[in-house]
Amino acid sequence: MCSASCERGCRPEAASARTGRARPRLLALLACVGGLFAALPVSADQQRDPELQQVLERAIAQAQCFTDHYDSAVWYTLMEPRLRVIVKEKNERMDILQQVYCETHRPGEARLPPGLVMALIAVESRFDRWAVSSAGAVGLMQVMPFWPEKLGMQRSELVHVAPNIHMGCAILRFYLGSEHNDVRKALARYNGSPGKREYPDLVITQWTHWRGADDLGFPVAAGNSATSAAAAH
């Protein structure tokens, strides 16, 4: 996900299809994306790690995520004013916050720092669920469009908040585990640019804005040092 929005190694900003005129065309665009993606130059892994299919199959089979109102109340109170500046529609704003908090605290899975996920979404799509990159990645967390077909889903589901964040968090959690909770290396792999600093630096800079108490244990990397995050369950 070169920001997966970032064209797998080009610019870091996500492509956006936010205009009203562009939205009716999105489903047709998604239908064509598979053919377009095949013609694009391959860079890094582009979410093609063999183990990822099993990770996402397990994620899709999991029960719907529900947030404990009391546990999440403080985080909502902290994050809602920040997100309000970007996402004007209240229901969509609350849906994003609910899904991010819930997926990062999903029982039985390694905890993810919710502020890091918010930072990643900010870089990938600027919280635009209709965003489609030139590499074909779709939605808030810029999930590649071949995954729905592999998992028996419709490509159009990637523009919905819950399935996109569910799959994006599963992918990020997989890369964090593979990289022994080194946040910088995991972000670079999520972006499809291992060994490069630009994308991890962008996300970590954003993380300072979205960081909250639930991110404790995942220190922000500084300088050239790698970040080793002690992921708590």
Protein backbone atom coordinates (compact mmCIF):
# COMPACT_ATOMS: atom_id res chain seq x y z
CA MET A 1 0.00 0.00 0.00
CA CYS A 2 2.46 2.54 -1.08
CA SER A 3 0.57 4.77 1.12
CA ALA A 4 -0.94 2.17 -0.96
CA SER A 5 -2.33 5.44 -2.04
CA CYS A 6 1.25 6.43 -2.66
CA GLU A 7 1.54 4.46 -5.88
CA ARG A 8 3.90 1.95 -4.30
CA GLY A 9 6.92 4.18 -4.03
CA CYS A 10 5.79 7.44 -5.57
CA ARG A 11 4.17 10.30 -3.67
CA PRO A 12 2.82 9.64 -0.16
CA GLU A 13 -0.58 11.28 -0.46
CA ALA A 14 -3.61 9.09 -1.10
CA ALA A 15 -5.58 9.50 -4.28
CA SER A 16 -9.09 10.75 -3.56
CA ALA A 17 -12.44 10.25 -5.23
CA ARG A 18 -14.32 12.48 -2.82
CA THR A 19 -16.37 14.47 -5.28
CA GLY A 20 -20.03 13.62 -5.73
CA ARG A 21 -19.54 13.13 -9.43
CA ALA A 22 -16.76 10.58 -8.88
CA ARG A 23 -18.65 8.39 -6.43
CA PRO A 24 -21.17 6.90 -8.90
CA ARG A 25 -18.21 5.80 -11.02
CA LEU A 26 -16.46 3.98 -8.19
CA LEU A 27 -18.05 0.56 -8.65
CA ALA A 28 -17.22 0.61 -12.34
CA LEU A 29 -13.66 1.62 -11.49
CA LEU A 30 -13.34 -1.23 -9.01
CA ALA A 31 -14.57 -3.66 -11.64
CA CYS A 32 -11.72 -2.56 -13.91
CA VAL A 33 -9.03 -2.38 -11.27
CA GLY A 34 -7.92 -6.00 -11.56
CA GLY A 35 -6.92 -5.53 -15.20
CA LEU A 36 -5.30 -2.19 -14.55
CA PHE A 37 -3.34 -3.55 -11.59
CA ALA A 38 -1.82 -6.31 -13.73
CA ALA A 39 -0.33 -3.68 -16.03
CA LEU A 40 1.28 -1.68 -13.24
CA PRO A 41 4.97 -2.09 -12.39
CA VAL A 42 5.53 -4.39 -9.42
CA SER A 43 7.19 -2.82 -6.39
CA ALA A 44 7.98 -4.67 -3.15
CA ASP A 45 5.38 -7.17 -1.97
CA GLN A 46 2.16 -5.19 -2.66
CA GLN A 47 0.37 -7.17 0.09
CA ARG A 48 1.23 -10.43 -1.64
CA ASP A 49 2.91 -12.22 1.26
CA PRO A 50 1.73 -15.86 1.03
CA GLU A 51 0.81 -15.89 4.74
CA LEU A 52 -1.49 -12.89 4.39
CA GLN A 53 -4.31 -14.88 2.79
CA GLN A 54 -4.61 -17.11 5.85
CA VAL A 55 -4.41 -14.06 8.12
CA LEU A 56 -7.25 -12.33 6.28
CA GLU A 57 -9.34 -15.49 5.98
CA ARG A 58 -9.17 -15.83 9.75
CA ALA A 59 -9.98 -12.15 10.20
CA ILE A 60 -13.05 -12.33 7.95
CA ALA A 61 -14.26 -15.40 9.85
CA GLN A 62 -14.11 -13.55 13.16
CA ALA A 63 -17.22 -12.26 14.85
CA GLN A 64 -18.28 -8.68 14.28
CA CYS A 65 -16.37 -6.29 16.48
CA PHE A 66 -18.26 -4.56 19.30
CA THR A 67 -16.81 -1.76 21.39
CA ASP A 68 -17.26 -1.54 25.13
CA HIS A 69 -18.83 1.89 25.64
CA TYR A 70 -17.06 2.65 28.90
CA ASP A 71 -13.62 1.49 27.76
CA SER A 72 -13.79 3.56 24.61
CA ALA A 73 -15.45 6.70 26.00
CA VAL A 74 -12.22 8.49 26.94
CA TRP A 75 -10.61 7.70 23.58
CA TYR A 76 -13.70 8.90 21.67
CA THR A 77 -13.71 12.13 23.68
CA LEU A 78 -10.06 12.74 22.81
CA MET A 79 -10.20 11.79 19.13
CA GLU A 80 -13.62 13.02 17.98
CA PRO A 81 -12.73 16.75 17.90
CA ARG A 82 -9.57 15.96 15.91
CA LEU A 83 -11.42 13.86 13.35
CA ARG A 84 -14.31 16.35 13.12
CA VAL A 85 -12.00 18.74 11.28
CA ILE A 86 -11.54 16.15 8.50
CA VAL A 87 -14.73 14.05 8.46
CA LYS A 88 -17.74 16.35 8.59
CA GLU A 89 -20.49 13.71 8.63
CA LYS A 90 -21.10 12.69 12.24
CA ASN A 91 -22.26 9.09 11.71
CA GLU A 92 -19.31 8.30 9.44
CA ARG A 93 -16.92 9.96 11.89
CA MET A 94 -18.22 7.90 14.81
CA ASP A 95 -18.19 4.73 12.70
CA ILE A 96 -14.49 5.24 11.92
CA LEU A 97 -13.65 5.85 15.58
CA GLN A 98 -15.67 2.84 16.73
CA GLN A 99 -14.13 0.48 14.20
CA VAL A 100 -10.56 1.67 14.82
CA TYR A 101 -10.87 1.33 18.59
CA CYS A 102 -12.61 -2.02 18.36
CA GLU A 103 -10.25 -3.62 15.85
CA THR A 104 -7.16 -2.45 17.71
CA HIS A 105 -8.52 -3.97 20.93
CA ARG A 106 -10.00 -7.14 19.40
CA PRO A 107 -10.04 -9.97 21.98
CA GLY A 108 -7.58 -12.78 21.28
CA GLU A 109 -5.39 -10.68 19.00
CA ALA A 110 -2.24 -8.68 19.68
CA ARG A 111 -3.19 -5.14 20.60
CA LEU A 112 -2.59 -2.42 18.03
CA PRO A 113 -2.07 1.22 19.01
CA PRO A 114 -5.24 2.97 17.81
CA GLY A 115 -3.41 6.26 17.32
CA LEU A 116 -1.03 4.53 14.92
CA VAL A 117 -3.95 3.19 12.90
CA MET A 118 -5.50 6.68 12.78
CA ALA A 119 -2.14 8.06 11.60
CA LEU A 120 -1.88 5.38 8.92
CA ILE A 121 -5.39 6.18 7.66
CA ALA A 122 -4.55 9.89 7.61
CA VAL A 123 -1.54 9.22 5.36
CA GLU A 124 -3.20 6.55 3.22
CA SER A 125 -6.54 8.19 2.43
CA ARG A 126 -7.01 11.34 4.51
CA PHE A 127 -10.02 9.49 6.00
CA ASP A 128 -11.71 9.34 2.60
CA ARG A 129 -13.37 5.92 2.31
CA TRP A 130 -13.84 6.46 -1.43
CA ALA A 131 -10.09 6.92 -2.05
CA VAL A 132 -8.62 4.80 -4.86
CA SER A 133 -4.90 4.92 -5.59
CA SER A 134 -3.34 4.60 -9.04
CA ALA A 135 -2.10 1.18 -7.87
CA GLY A 136 -5.73 0.19 -7.30
CA ALA A 137 -5.74 0.20 -3.49
CA VAL A 138 -9.12 1.14 -2.06
CA GLY A 139 -10.67 2.82 0.96
CA LEU A 140 -9.57 4.16 4.32
CA MET A 141 -6.62 1.81 4.82
CA GLN A 142 -5.99 1.29 1.09
CA VAL A 143 -6.53 -2.46 0.82
CA MET A 144 -5.57 -4.03 -2.49
CA PRO A 145 -8.59 -5.07 -4.59
CA PHE A 146 -7.54 -8.67 -5.20
CA TRP A 147 -8.26 -9.56 -1.55
CA PRO A 148 -12.07 -9.45 -1.72
CA GLU A 149 -12.07 -11.92 -4.62
CA LYS A 150 -9.72 -14.27 -2.80
CA LEU A 151 -11.93 -14.11 0.30
CA GLY A 152 -15.32 -14.49 -1.36
CA MET A 153 -16.25 -10.83 -0.92
CA GLN A 154 -17.30 -8.08 -3.29
CA ARG A 155 -14.73 -5.44 -4.22
CA SER A 156 -17.29 -2.76 -3.40
CA GLU A 157 -17.09 -3.77 0.27
CA LEU A 158 -13.68 -2.09 0.48
CA VAL A 159 -15.32 1.35 0.45
CA HIS A 160 -17.26 0.50 3.61
CA VAL A 161 -15.72 1.53 6.93
CA ALA A 162 -15.96 -1.71 8.91
CA PRO A 163 -14.58 -4.29 6.41
CA ASN A 164 -11.81 -1.98 5.24
CA ILE A 165 -10.55 -1.22 8.75
CA HIS A 166 -10.97 -4.87 9.74
CA MET A 167 -8.78 -6.05 6.86
CA GLY A 168 -6.31 -3.17 7.15
CA CYS A 169 -5.76 -3.82 10.86
CA ALA A 170 -5.27 -7.55 10.19
CA ILE A 171 -2.60 -6.72 7.60
CA LEU A 172 -0.84 -4.23 9.89
CA ARG A 173 -0.96 -6.69 12.80
CA PHE A 174 0.59 -9.36 10.56
CA TYR A 175 3.46 -7.08 9.55
CA LEU A 176 4.08 -5.99 13.14
CA GLY A 177 4.28 -9.64 14.17
CA SER A 178 6.55 -10.52 11.25
CA GLU A 179 8.87 -7.64 12.13
CA HIS A 180 8.92 -8.43 15.87
CA ASN A 181 6.91 -5.28 16.63
CA ASP A 182 9.38 -2.96 14.93
CA VAL A 183 6.93 -0.22 13.97
CA ARG A 184 9.10 1.37 11.29
CA LYS A 185 9.78 -1.90 9.48
CA ALA A 186 6.12 -2.94 9.72
CA LEU A 187 4.97 0.38 8.26
CA ALA A 188 7.45 0.12 5.41
CA ARG A 189 6.11 -3.33 4.54
CA TYR A 190 2.52 -2.12 4.78
CA ASN A 191 3.49 0.56 2.30
CA GLY A 192 5.35 -1.86 0.04
CA SER A 193 8.65 0.00 0.52
CA PRO A 194 10.83 -2.04 2.91
CA GLY A 195 14.15 -0.42 3.67
CA LYS A 196 12.91 3.09 2.90
CA ARG A 197 12.19 5.76 5.50
CA GLU A 198 9.80 8.17 3.76
CA TYR A 199 6.53 6.39 4.49
CA PRO A 200 7.30 5.34 8.10
CA ASP A 201 8.42 8.92 8.80
CA LEU A 202 5.14 10.29 7.41
CA VAL A 203 3.00 7.96 9.51
CA ILE A 204 5.04 8.44 12.68
CA THR A 205 4.82 12.21 12.27
CA GLN A 206 1.04 11.87 12.03
CA TRP A 207 1.08 9.53 15.02
CA THR A 208 2.18 12.40 17.27
CA HIS A 209 -1.15 14.07 16.43
CA TRP A 210 -3.33 10.98 16.97
CA ARG A 211 -1.42 9.48 19.87
CA GLY A 212 -3.33 8.81 23.13
CA ALA A 213 -3.11 6.76 26.31
CA ASP A 214 -4.02 3.58 24.40
CA ASP A 215 -0.78 3.92 22.43
CA LEU A 216 1.42 3.48 25.49
CA GLY A 217 3.89 0.64 24.97
CA PHE A 218 4.36 1.60 21.32
CA PRO A 219 7.01 4.36 21.48
CA VAL A 220 7.40 6.70 18.54
CA ALA A 221 10.70 6.02 16.77
CA ALA A 222 13.25 8.80 16.71
CA GLY A 223 16.07 9.47 14.26
CA ASN A 224 17.53 6.37 12.63
CA SER A 225 16.66 4.01 15.45
CA ALA A 226 14.08 1.30 14.92
CA THR A 227 11.00 1.25 17.08
CA SER A 228 10.51 -1.84 19.14
CA ALA A 229 6.97 -1.93 20.44
CA ALA A 230 6.08 -4.32 23.20
CA ALA A 231 2.65 -5.41 21.97
CA ALA A 232 0.41 -6.28 24.86
CA HIS A 233 -2.53 -8.63 24.51
